[in-house]
Protein backbone atom coordinates (compact mmCIF):
# COMPACT_ATOMS: atom_id res chain seq x y z
CA MET A 1 0.00 0.00 0.00
CA ASP A 2 1.23 3.53 -0.76
CA PRO A 3 2.63 5.67 2.08
CA VAL A 4 0.76 8.57 3.66
CA ILE A 5 1.79 11.95 2.22
CA VAL A 6 2.32 14.60 4.89
CA VAL A 7 2.63 18.15 3.54
CA GLY A 8 4.51 20.50 5.84
CA ALA A 9 7.48 19.74 8.10
CA GLY A 10 6.68 21.95 11.08
CA PRO A 11 6.10 20.44 14.53
CA VAL A 12 2.67 19.05 13.59
CA GLY A 13 3.76 17.40 10.33
CA LEU A 14 6.89 15.95 11.96
CA THR A 15 4.84 14.64 14.89
CA LEU A 16 2.28 13.06 12.57
CA SER A 17 4.94 11.25 10.52
CA LEU A 18 6.62 9.96 13.69
CA ALA A 19 3.27 8.85 15.15
CA LEU A 20 2.45 6.98 11.95
CA ALA A 21 5.87 5.32 11.96
CA ALA A 22 5.35 4.19 15.56
CA GLN A 23 2.29 2.31 14.27
CA GLY A 24 4.06 0.78 11.28
CA VAL A 25 2.82 3.22 8.61
CA PRO A 26 5.33 4.74 6.15
CA SER A 27 5.03 8.39 5.15
CA VAL A 28 6.55 10.88 2.72
CA LEU A 29 7.11 14.23 4.42
CA LEU A 30 7.14 17.07 1.87
CA ASP A 31 8.99 20.07 3.30
CA GLU A 32 8.64 23.34 1.45
CA GLY A 33 11.81 24.68 3.12
CA PRO A 34 15.45 23.60 3.41
CA ASP A 35 15.01 20.99 6.19
CA LYS A 36 16.14 23.34 8.97
CA ASP A 37 14.78 26.25 10.99
CA GLU A 38 16.40 29.59 11.73
CA PRO A 39 16.92 29.98 15.52
CA ARG A 40 14.50 32.55 16.95
CA PRO A 41 14.73 32.72 20.78
CA ALA A 42 11.62 34.94 20.96
CA ARG A 43 9.49 32.35 19.16
CA THR A 44 8.71 29.80 21.84
CA VAL A 45 6.04 27.17 22.54
CA VAL A 46 4.39 25.90 25.70
CA LEU A 47 3.46 22.21 25.79
CA ARG A 48 0.95 20.81 28.27
CA GLU A 49 1.45 17.50 30.02
CA ASP A 50 -0.23 15.36 27.35
CA THR A 51 1.44 16.95 24.31
CA ALA A 52 4.84 17.03 26.02
CA ASP A 53 4.51 13.31 26.74
CA LEU A 54 3.52 12.70 23.11
CA VAL A 55 6.62 14.28 21.54
CA LYS A 56 8.88 12.75 24.19
CA ARG A 57 7.39 9.30 23.48
CA LEU A 58 8.15 9.82 19.77
CA GLY A 59 11.86 10.33 20.46
CA CYS A 60 12.20 14.13 20.72
CA SER A 61 14.95 14.89 23.25
CA ALA A 62 14.61 18.68 22.99
CA LEU A 63 12.20 18.87 25.94
CA HIS A 64 14.88 17.60 28.28
CA ASP A 65 17.82 19.32 26.60
CA GLU A 66 16.40 22.76 25.78
CA GLY A 67 13.07 23.04 27.61
CA LEU A 68 12.17 24.18 31.12
CA ARG A 69 9.29 23.00 33.29
CA TRP A 70 7.89 25.90 35.28
CA SER A 71 8.07 25.50 39.05
CA GLY A 72 5.21 27.92 39.69
CA TRP A 73 2.75 30.48 38.35
CA ARG A 74 2.26 33.99 39.73
CA SER A 75 -0.53 36.42 38.95
CA VAL A 76 -0.01 40.07 39.88
CA ARG A 77 -2.43 42.98 39.50
CA ARG A 78 -0.99 46.48 39.79
CA LYS A 79 1.34 46.03 42.80
CA GLN A 80 -0.54 43.18 44.48
CA LEU A 81 0.12 39.44 44.28
CA VAL A 82 -3.24 37.88 43.40
CA ARG A 83 -2.30 34.22 43.14
CA ALA A 84 0.73 31.96 43.50
CA VAL A 85 0.36 28.38 42.24
CA PRO A 86 3.03 25.67 42.70
CA LEU A 87 3.48 23.43 39.66
CA GLY A 88 4.93 19.97 39.23
CA GLU A 89 5.56 17.25 41.79
CA GLU A 90 5.59 18.09 45.49
CA GLU A 91 5.49 15.84 48.53
CA GLY A 92 2.06 15.57 50.13
CA SER A 93 0.15 17.47 47.46
CA VAL A 94 -1.24 17.10 43.96
CA PRO A 95 -0.37 20.39 42.22
CA LEU A 96 -1.15 21.29 38.65
CA PRO A 97 1.09 19.67 36.01
CA SER A 98 4.00 21.84 34.96
CA PRO A 99 4.01 22.96 31.31
CA VAL A 100 7.22 22.70 29.29
CA HIS A 101 8.51 25.93 27.69
CA LEU A 102 11.09 25.79 24.89
CA PRO A 103 12.06 27.60 21.68
CA GLN A 104 10.05 26.37 18.69
CA HIS A 105 13.20 25.86 16.61
CA ALA A 106 14.51 23.55 19.37
CA LEU A 107 11.31 21.49 19.29
CA THR A 108 11.39 21.30 15.49
CA GLY A 109 15.06 20.35 15.53
CA GLY A 110 14.44 17.59 18.06
CA LEU A 111 11.59 16.18 15.99
CA ARG A 112 13.70 16.36 12.82
CA SER A 113 16.44 14.37 14.57
CA ALA A 114 13.88 11.73 15.53
CA VAL A 115 12.64 11.62 11.92
CA ALA A 116 16.21 11.18 10.65
CA ALA A 117 16.51 8.04 12.78
CA GLN A 118 13.20 6.63 11.51
CA ASP A 119 13.29 4.33 8.46
CA LEU A 120 9.56 4.66 7.76
CA VAL A 121 9.69 8.43 7.14
CA THR A 122 11.06 9.86 3.88
CA MET A 123 11.86 13.57 4.23
CA VAL A 124 11.92 15.62 1.00
CA PRO A 125 13.07 19.27 1.30
CA PHE A 126 12.24 22.05 -1.20
CA SER A 127 8.98 20.34 -2.18
CA ARG A 128 6.09 22.75 -2.67
CA ILE A 129 2.96 21.13 -4.07
CA ASP A 130 0.92 22.76 -6.82
CA THR A 131 -1.44 19.95 -7.88
CA LEU A 132 -3.61 17.56 -5.85
CA GLU A 133 -5.73 14.82 -7.40
CA GLN A 134 -7.80 12.11 -5.67
CA ASP A 135 -9.33 8.84 -6.76
CA PRO A 136 -10.99 5.99 -4.83
CA HIS A 137 -7.65 4.33 -4.12
CA GLY A 138 -5.30 7.20 -3.24
CA VAL A 139 -3.97 10.71 -3.68
CA THR A 140 -1.53 12.08 -6.26
CA VAL A 141 0.33 15.37 -5.82
CA HIS A 142 2.86 17.24 -7.90
CA THR A 143 5.77 19.22 -6.47
CA ARG A 144 7.37 21.90 -8.59
CA ASP A 145 10.95 23.05 -9.11
CA PRO A 146 13.71 22.53 -8.21
CA GLY A 147 12.59 18.89 -8.18
CA SER A 148 9.46 18.57 -10.30
CA THR A 149 8.00 15.23 -9.17
CA TRP A 150 4.72 13.33 -8.94
CA TRP A 151 4.01 11.60 -5.61
CA ARG A 152 1.48 8.87 -4.91
CA GLY A 153 -0.01 8.24 -1.45
CA SER A 154 -2.79 6.29 0.18
CA TYR A 155 -3.86 9.39 2.15
CA LEU A 156 -2.67 12.99 2.42
CA VAL A 157 -2.55 15.33 5.41
CA GLY A 158 -2.02 19.08 5.00
CA CYS A 159 0.08 20.34 7.92
CA ASP A 160 1.33 23.30 5.90
CA GLY A 161 0.32 26.19 8.12
CA ALA A 162 -2.06 29.12 8.10
CA ARG A 163 -1.60 29.79 4.37
CA SER A 164 -2.07 26.10 3.57
CA THR A 165 -1.72 25.20 -0.10
CA VAL A 166 -3.50 21.90 0.59
CA ARG A 167 -6.51 23.71 2.02
CA LYS A 168 -6.67 26.00 -1.03
CA LEU A 169 -6.35 23.11 -3.48
CA LEU A 170 -9.20 21.35 -1.66
CA ASP A 171 -11.27 24.57 -1.88
CA ILE A 172 -12.02 24.60 1.85
CA ARG A 173 -13.07 27.92 3.41
CA PHE A 174 -11.17 29.27 6.44
CA PRO A 175 -13.45 31.83 8.15
CA GLY A 176 -12.79 33.55 11.45
CA ARG A 177 -11.56 36.70 13.16
CA THR A 178 -8.48 38.70 12.18
CA ALA A 179 -6.11 40.44 14.63
CA VAL A 180 -7.75 39.17 17.81
CA GLU A 181 -4.69 40.20 19.85
CA ARG A 182 -1.30 41.84 19.20
CA HIS A 183 1.80 41.29 21.29
CA ALA A 184 5.29 42.75 21.43
CA VAL A 185 7.77 40.09 22.49
CA ALA A 186 11.40 39.99 23.61
CA ALA A 187 13.77 37.19 24.58
CA LEU A 188 16.48 38.29 27.00
CA ARG A 189 18.89 36.91 29.56
CA ALA A 190 18.48 38.50 33.00
CA GLN A 191 18.00 37.73 36.69
CA LEU A 192 14.35 38.23 37.65
CA PRO A 193 12.87 37.84 41.15
CA TRP A 194 11.05 34.57 40.36
CA PRO A 195 13.54 32.02 38.96
CA GLY A 196 11.71 29.16 37.24
CA GLU A 197 8.25 30.70 37.66
CA ALA A 198 5.97 32.20 35.03
CA VAL A 199 4.41 35.56 35.83
CA LEU A 200 1.31 37.33 34.52
CA HIS A 201 1.23 41.00 35.53
CA ARG A 202 -2.05 42.79 34.76
CA ALA A 203 -2.30 46.59 34.78
CA PRO A 204 1.36 47.11 35.75
CA PRO A 205 1.83 50.53 37.39
CA TRP A 206 4.57 51.89 35.12
CA ARG A 207 3.74 54.04 32.10
CA THR A 208 4.77 51.64 29.31
CA GLY A 209 3.40 48.49 30.95
CA GLY A 210 0.17 48.52 28.99
CA ALA A 211 -2.72 46.28 29.99
CA GLU A 212 -0.69 43.14 30.60
CA VAL A 213 2.84 41.75 30.50
CA THR A 214 3.89 38.12 30.84
CA ALA A 215 7.29 36.66 31.76
CA ARG A 216 7.97 32.99 30.98
CA PRO A 217 11.30 31.37 31.89
CA LEU A 218 13.55 29.31 29.63
CA PRO A 219 16.79 27.47 30.48
CA ASP A 220 20.08 29.33 31.03
CA GLY A 221 18.49 32.39 32.65
CA ILE A 222 16.57 33.36 29.49
CA TRP A 223 13.07 34.84 29.67
CA ARG A 224 10.39 35.53 27.09
CA LEU A 225 8.47 38.73 27.82
CA ASP A 226 5.14 39.52 26.12
CA TRP A 227 3.34 42.87 26.21
CA LEU A 228 -0.32 42.96 25.17
CA LEU A 229 -0.72 45.78 22.64
CA PRO A 230 -3.81 47.78 21.69
CA PRO A 231 -5.64 46.08 18.77
CA ARG A 232 -5.02 48.99 16.40
CA GLY A 233 -2.16 50.76 18.11
CA GLU A 234 0.85 52.42 16.62
CA LEU A 235 3.84 50.52 15.24
CA VAL A 236 6.28 49.31 17.88
CA THR A 237 9.64 50.85 17.07
CA PRO A 238 12.93 49.41 18.37
CA ASP A 239 13.37 52.40 20.67
CA ALA A 240 9.85 52.00 22.06
CA LEU A 241 10.44 48.30 22.71
CA ILE A 242 13.73 48.99 24.51
CA THR A 243 11.88 51.49 26.70
CA ARG A 244 9.25 48.86 27.52
CA ILE A 245 11.96 46.35 28.44
CA ARG A 246 13.81 48.76 30.73
CA ASP A 247 10.64 50.04 32.42
CA THR A 248 9.36 46.49 32.97
CA LEU A 249 12.63 45.24 34.44
CA GLU A 250 12.83 48.28 36.68
CA GLY A 251 9.24 47.78 37.82
CA TRP A 252 9.94 44.18 38.78
CA CYS A 253 13.45 44.52 40.20
CA GLY A 254 13.45 48.05 41.66
CA GLU A 255 16.07 49.12 39.15
CA THR A 256 16.97 48.01 35.66
CA PRO A 257 19.33 45.02 36.05
CA ALA A 258 21.97 44.04 33.53
CA TYR A 259 20.38 42.12 30.70
CA GLU A 260 21.29 40.66 27.31
CA LEU A 261 18.70 41.17 24.58
CA LEU A 262 18.59 38.11 22.30
CA ASP A 263 15.59 38.59 20.02
CA THR A 264 12.47 40.72 19.56
CA GLY A 265 9.31 40.70 17.51
CA VAL A 266 5.68 41.72 17.17
CA TYR A 267 3.05 39.12 16.37
CA THR A 268 -0.67 39.17 15.68
CA LEU A 269 -3.07 36.41 16.74
CA HIS A 270 -6.01 35.32 14.57
CA HIS A 271 -8.91 32.98 15.31
CA ARG A 272 -9.96 30.85 12.33
CA LEU A 273 -11.53 27.43 11.80
CA ALA A 274 -11.62 25.51 8.52
CA ARG A 275 -15.12 24.51 7.43
CA ARG A 276 -14.05 20.94 6.71
CA TRP A 277 -11.08 18.92 7.96
CA ARG A 278 -11.56 15.98 5.62
CA SER A 279 -12.11 15.79 1.87
CA LYS A 280 -12.21 12.14 0.78
CA ARG A 281 -8.62 10.91 1.35
CA ALA A 282 -7.18 14.31 2.27
CA PHE A 283 -7.14 15.86 5.75
CA LEU A 284 -6.10 19.12 7.42
CA ALA A 285 -4.24 19.43 10.72
CA GLY A 286 -2.59 22.13 12.83
CA ASP A 287 -2.62 25.73 11.60
CA ALA A 288 -3.96 24.58 8.23
CA ALA A 289 -7.17 23.63 10.07
CA HIS A 290 -7.36 26.19 12.88
CA LEU A 291 -5.76 29.30 14.33
CA LEU A 292 -6.05 30.25 17.99
CA GLY A 293 -3.80 31.63 20.69
CA ALA A 294 -5.47 34.51 22.52
CA LEU A 295 -5.64 34.55 26.34
CA GLY A 296 -2.73 32.19 26.76
CA THR A 297 -4.17 29.32 24.70
CA GLN A 298 -1.64 27.36 22.66
CA GLY A 299 -2.45 26.58 19.04
CA LEU A 300 0.46 24.14 18.79
CA ASP A 301 -1.01 22.03 21.59
CA GLU A 302 -4.15 21.58 19.51
CA GLY A 303 -2.11 20.82 16.40
CA LEU A 304 -0.22 18.05 18.19
CA ARG A 305 -3.52 16.65 19.45
CA ASP A 306 -4.73 16.66 15.83
CA ALA A 307 -1.71 14.57 14.88
CA GLU A 308 -2.19 12.08 17.71
CA ASN A 309 -5.91 11.70 17.00
CA LEU A 310 -5.48 11.24 13.24
CA ALA A 311 -2.40 8.99 13.34
CA TRP A 312 -4.04 5.96 14.94
CA LYS A 313 -7.08 6.23 12.68
CA LEU A 314 -4.97 6.38 9.53
CA ALA A 315 -2.95 3.45 10.87
CA GLN A 316 -6.13 1.39 11.31
CA ALA A 317 -7.24 2.29 7.78
CA TRP A 318 -3.78 1.56 6.34
CA HIS A 319 -3.33 -1.84 7.99
CA GLN A 320 -6.95 -3.02 7.75
CA SER A 321 -10.08 -2.28 5.75
CA PRO A 322 -10.70 1.47 5.86
CA SER A 323 -13.70 2.55 7.97
CA GLU A 324 -15.40 5.74 6.78
CA LEU A 325 -16.89 6.18 10.24
CA LEU A 326 -13.45 6.01 11.84
CA LEU A 327 -11.90 8.48 9.38
CA ASP A 328 -14.84 10.87 9.65
CA SER A 329 -14.52 10.81 13.43
CA TYR A 330 -11.29 12.83 13.15
CA GLN A 331 -13.24 15.89 12.02
CA ALA A 332 -16.16 15.16 14.35
CA GLU A 333 -13.89 15.00 17.40
CA ARG A 334 -11.09 17.44 16.74
CA ARG A 335 -13.03 20.20 14.99
CA ALA A 336 -15.66 20.20 17.74
CA ALA A 337 -12.92 20.36 20.41
CA VAL A 338 -11.15 23.33 18.77
CA ALA A 339 -14.46 25.07 18.05
CA SER A 340 -15.30 24.81 21.75
CA ARG A 341 -11.92 26.29 22.65
CA LEU A 342 -12.42 29.16 20.21
CA ARG A 343 -15.91 29.86 21.56
CA ALA A 344 -14.57 29.98 25.11
CA ALA A 345 -11.83 32.42 24.11
CA ASP A 346 -14.14 34.62 22.03
CA GLN A 347 -16.70 34.76 24.86
CA SER A 348 -13.99 35.60 27.43
CA LEU A 349 -12.26 38.31 25.41
CA PRO A 350 -14.91 41.05 25.92
CA ILE A 351 -14.94 40.34 29.65
CA LEU A 352 -11.18 40.27 30.12
CA ARG A 353 -10.28 43.06 27.68
CA GLY A 354 -13.37 45.25 28.03
CA GLY A 355 -12.16 47.68 30.68
CA ALA A 356 -13.20 48.19 34.28
CA GLY A 357 -16.97 48.33 33.89
CA LEU A 358 -17.74 44.79 34.99
CA ARG A 359 -15.20 44.85 37.83
CA THR A 360 -16.97 47.85 39.38
CA LEU A 361 -20.28 45.96 39.38
CA VAL A 362 -19.23 42.44 40.37
CA PRO A 363 -17.27 41.99 43.63
CA GLY A 364 -14.27 39.72 43.18
CA ALA A 365 -14.49 39.91 39.38
CA ALA A 366 -10.80 40.77 39.03
CA ARG A 367 -9.84 37.56 40.85
CA GLY A 368 -12.21 35.60 38.62
CA HIS A 369 -10.61 37.17 35.57
CA ASP A 370 -7.21 36.13 36.86
CA THR A 371 -8.37 32.52 37.24
CA LEU A 372 -9.76 32.53 33.71
CA LEU A 373 -6.49 33.84 32.27
CA ALA A 374 -4.45 31.36 34.32
CA ASP A 375 -6.57 28.55 32.85
CA GLY A 376 -5.45 29.50 29.37
CA HIS A 377 -1.77 29.65 30.31
CA LEU A 378 -1.71 26.54 32.53
CA GLY A 379 -3.92 24.22 30.46
CA CYS A 380 -7.01 24.14 32.68
CA GLY A 381 -10.71 24.83 32.27
CA PRO A 382 -12.49 25.65 29.00
CA LEU A 383 -9.51 27.66 27.70
CA GLY A 384 -6.83 25.04 28.20
CA ALA A 385 -7.85 21.60 29.47
CA PRO A 386 -7.26 18.56 27.23
CA PRO A 387 -10.39 17.80 25.18
CA SER A 388 -13.00 15.19 25.96
CA TYR A 389 -14.73 13.43 23.05
CA THR A 390 -17.98 12.74 24.88
CA HIS A 391 -20.17 12.88 21.78
CA SER A 392 -17.81 11.05 19.45
CA PRO A 393 -19.28 8.71 16.82
CA LEU A 394 -16.80 6.15 18.24
CA SER A 395 -18.49 6.17 21.68
CA PRO A 396 -20.41 2.96 22.44
CA GLN A 397 -23.97 3.05 23.70
CA ARG A 398 -24.24 2.58 27.43
CA ALA A 399 -24.79 -1.03 28.46
CA ASP A 400 -25.73 -2.74 31.74
CA GLY A 401 -22.14 -3.67 32.45
CA HIS A 402 -20.79 -0.13 32.09
CA VAL A 403 -19.73 1.63 35.30
CA SER A 404 -18.59 5.14 36.11
CA VAL A 405 -15.00 5.86 37.15
CA GLY A 406 -13.07 9.07 37.82
CA THR A 407 -12.65 9.59 34.07
CA PRO A 408 -15.82 10.15 31.98
CA PRO A 409 -16.05 8.24 28.69
CA GLY A 410 -14.26 10.20 25.96
CA ALA A 411 -11.91 11.99 28.37
CA PRO A 412 -8.13 11.37 28.65
CA VAL A 413 -7.24 8.64 31.13
CA VAL A 414 -5.18 9.27 34.25
CA ASP A 415 -1.51 8.31 33.90
CA VAL A 416 -1.38 5.49 36.48
CA ARG A 417 1.32 2.87 36.87
CA VAL A 418 0.49 -0.38 35.04
CA THR A 419 1.98 -3.82 34.68
CA ALA A 420 2.85 -4.61 31.05
CA PRO A 421 2.72 -8.10 29.49
CA ASP A 422 6.45 -8.57 30.10
CA GLY A 423 5.88 -8.05 33.83
CA LYS A 424 7.45 -4.60 34.00
CA ALA A 425 5.78 -1.69 35.78
CA VAL A 426 5.48 1.33 33.43
CA ARG A 427 3.45 4.50 33.04
CA LEU A 428 0.15 4.08 31.22
CA ARG A 429 1.09 6.89 28.81
CA ASP A 430 4.17 4.89 27.77
CA ARG A 431 1.83 2.29 26.21
CA LEU A 432 -0.10 4.79 24.07
CA GLY A 433 0.40 5.51 20.39
CA LEU A 434 1.27 1.97 19.34
CA GLY A 435 -1.81 1.46 17.18
CA HIS A 436 -3.83 -0.82 19.43
CA LEU A 437 -6.46 -0.51 22.13
CA LEU A 438 -5.56 -0.96 25.78
CA VAL A 439 -7.55 -3.15 28.17
CA ILE A 440 -6.71 -2.40 31.82
CA LEU A 441 -7.78 -4.51 34.79
CA VAL A 442 -7.96 -2.73 38.14
CA ALA A 443 -6.70 -5.33 40.62
CA PRO A 444 -5.51 -4.17 44.07
CA GLY A 445 -2.67 -6.26 45.44
CA THR A 446 -1.15 -7.19 42.08
CA GLY A 447 2.16 -5.83 43.30
CA VAL A 448 2.74 -9.15 45.05
CA TRP A 449 1.90 -11.30 42.04
CA ASP A 450 4.58 -13.57 40.66
CA ARG A 451 5.43 -11.80 37.41
CA ARG A 452 6.15 -15.10 35.69
CA HIS A 453 2.57 -16.28 36.20
CA TRP A 454 0.49 -13.09 36.44
CA LEU A 455 -1.50 -13.81 33.26
CA THR A 456 -2.85 -17.01 34.87
CA ALA A 457 -3.88 -15.45 38.21
CA GLY A 458 -7.43 -14.63 39.35
CA VAL A 459 -9.77 -13.46 36.59
CA MET A 460 -6.89 -12.99 34.17
CA PRO A 461 -7.37 -16.19 32.10
CA ARG A 462 -10.96 -15.20 31.28
CA LEU A 463 -9.90 -11.63 30.48
CA VAL A 464 -7.03 -12.88 28.29
CA ASP A 465 -9.52 -14.92 26.25
CA ALA A 466 -11.84 -11.90 25.94
CA VAL A 467 -8.99 -9.66 24.72
CA ASP A 468 -7.80 -12.27 22.24
CA ALA A 469 -11.32 -12.41 20.77
CA LEU A 470 -11.62 -8.65 20.16
CA PRO A 471 -12.13 -7.49 16.56
CA VAL A 472 -8.99 -5.32 16.76
CA LYS A 473 -5.59 -5.78 18.37
CA ALA A 474 -5.46 -4.83 22.06
CA GLU A 475 -2.87 -4.96 24.83
CA LEU A 476 -3.79 -6.23 28.30
CA LEU A 477 -2.46 -4.29 31.31
CA VAL A 478 -3.04 -4.39 35.06
CA THR A 479 -3.04 -1.57 37.60
CA GLU A 480 -3.23 -1.54 41.38
CA SER A 481 -5.78 1.28 41.39
CA TYR A 482 -7.52 3.85 39.22
CA PRO A 483 -9.41 6.96 40.42
CA GLY A 484 -13.05 6.11 41.10
CA ALA A 485 -12.68 2.43 40.12
CA THR A 486 -13.35 -0.60 42.32
CA ALA A 487 -11.58 -3.96 42.22
CA HIS A 488 -12.03 -5.92 38.96
CA THR A 489 -13.12 -2.87 36.97
CA VAL A 490 -11.99 -3.22 33.34
CA LEU A 491 -11.10 -0.11 31.33
CA LEU A 492 -11.03 0.07 27.52
CA VAL A 493 -8.73 2.85 26.26
CA ARG A 494 -8.11 4.17 22.74
CA PRO A 495 -4.58 4.35 21.27
CA ASP A 496 -4.59 8.13 21.89
CA GLY A 497 -5.38 7.69 25.60
CA HIS A 498 -9.10 8.53 25.69
CA LEU A 499 -11.41 6.25 27.67
CA VAL A 500 -13.88 4.24 25.60
CA ALA A 501 -15.77 2.62 28.50
CA ALA A 502 -15.38 1.03 31.94
CA PHE A 503 -16.95 -2.31 32.87
CA SER A 504 -17.81 -4.01 36.14
CA GLY A 505 -15.78 -7.19 35.85
CA VAL A 506 -14.95 -9.29 32.81
CA ARG A 507 -17.77 -8.94 30.28
CA PRO A 508 -16.58 -10.38 26.94
CA ALA A 509 -19.66 -9.49 24.85
CA GLU A 510 -19.85 -5.89 26.01
CA LEU A 511 -16.08 -5.45 25.74
CA PHE A 512 -16.23 -6.76 22.15
CA ALA A 513 -19.08 -4.40 21.23
CA ALA A 514 -17.29 -1.38 22.70
CA ALA A 515 -14.03 -2.24 20.92
CA ASP A 516 -15.88 -2.70 17.64
CA THR A 517 -17.50 0.72 18.00
CA ALA A 518 -14.20 2.36 18.95
CA ARG A 519 -12.54 1.10 15.75
CA GLY A 520 -15.43 2.43 13.63
CA GLY A 521 -16.93 -1.01 13.10
CA SER A 522 -16.12 -3.22 10.17
CA ALA A 523 -15.79 -1.64 6.73
CA ASP A 524 -19.33 -2.73 5.80
CA THR A 525 -20.81 -1.47 9.07
CA ALA A 526 -18.95 1.81 8.78
CA LEU A 527 -20.18 2.42 5.23
CA GLY A 528 -23.72 1.76 6.43
CA ASP A 529 -23.28 4.38 9.16
CA GLN A 530 -21.64 6.94 6.88
CA SER A 531 -24.80 9.00 6.47
CA ARG A 532 -25.10 9.38 10.25
CA THR A 533 -21.49 10.51 10.54
CA THR A 534 -21.77 12.91 7.60
CA ALA A 535 -24.81 14.53 9.20
CA SER A 536 -22.90 14.90 12.46
CA SER A 537 -19.93 16.40 10.63
CA ASP A 538 -22.21 18.86 8.84
CA ARG A 539 -23.61 20.01 12.19
CA THR A 540 -20.08 20.42 13.51
CA ALA A 541 -19.08 22.43 10.43
CA ASP A 542 -21.71 25.03 11.30
CA VAL A 543 -19.96 25.85 14.59
CA ASN A 544 -17.74 28.94 14.46
């Protein structure tokens, strides 16, 4: 079968190719550029816990080598500390997960190094497509000079950014809002009062502070500073930016400390959502499908989630009979999730950027605004939390044997410790992204099992038979405990880590039915359900 063609070698395209390779699917990665990125210290990305684990699992070492996990989050208003939140692991508490902050060129370079070590990915630089043709069996594209070539693929994914050529060739509209926010940004090396902590300072008391300034730490004493600019303000000159830097450092430190300016820039954020994310055998992902980023939200996070969601579905279609229901579920799930994020941001913007009127009427509103902004930056709440696919077409109907646990169906599972088939104890997230479902038995006391014979203990023989009989490959794992689950609860988890269903005990028939639904059913069943999925996708496409 022909490889998958991935257009665009940014972080999303690289991640998608690596995720496909992890599931045994070859890809051709068409890179419009020269196979390298220019270092820009002021252009950084923040990865949440799930997306950071994804790229690390795919072999990207940049998170450890060039990224920094924040130790805390501070919110300041005028001269008053509003909120201080510890992040990461602490004894005796369960704090919020710590995001990873790193330069985007470092992330891209780490992913390119992982691709270079992967035999199933063919990287082709200087390859800009100008023609895209589809037929029932595949996709054909043409790349122009300097290497005019025709390429044949089983599927194609456009990860080629906001000005996506793939999206234009597919004639897919890209409506939305222009210039939602503008920011001036600087990367500099300096000693600030909060080493390792990110800071959001609203209404700073100095003249050039503007409405809001953010400081986010990087390794080696480097900080990225962002100033929120008026939507239609004047141009930011170099002299004006230097004045902002000096005034901000003086406001925080009492005097302007020595600093080394590394990079500057001004960037504008847009909110857009493609009408369709699938056209027959072609798909959109990342900035080609959506643009967001206001109020601390991270568009790259959503792009990486696109890649993880689509990779296992393309792998199923590539290795087995393609299911239209399964492939359509990519748009149904991911477009709805991003649309919800955009709605939350667009509804919050007038409240958070609309001046003091509401604060004078609602006691404590300023603190509520701070919490809302922190959600966007820290990956919580409607602005930042990982998506839940509650209404996915891959969700099974509730049956008698289904039980409720701490994770609702469709939501990401908790990263508990599990026992793998070889007897080793590993993190649950380490078993994701391998192209198969996970079946997890909650069995307190399994820590004392003889690892040589654990598959023959207790209810395991019956569960082994049930897993072997599933219509799709699945891996059997055991955990000592899971939030909200009782002994002998069985969890069914998708390859991207979202819960399909939880069962009270070993229920082979119900487990089979849920697994069949999660894979989109057989090819015949899926084609029979295509009209239902298309109608659902059409309803999703009307959400802006």
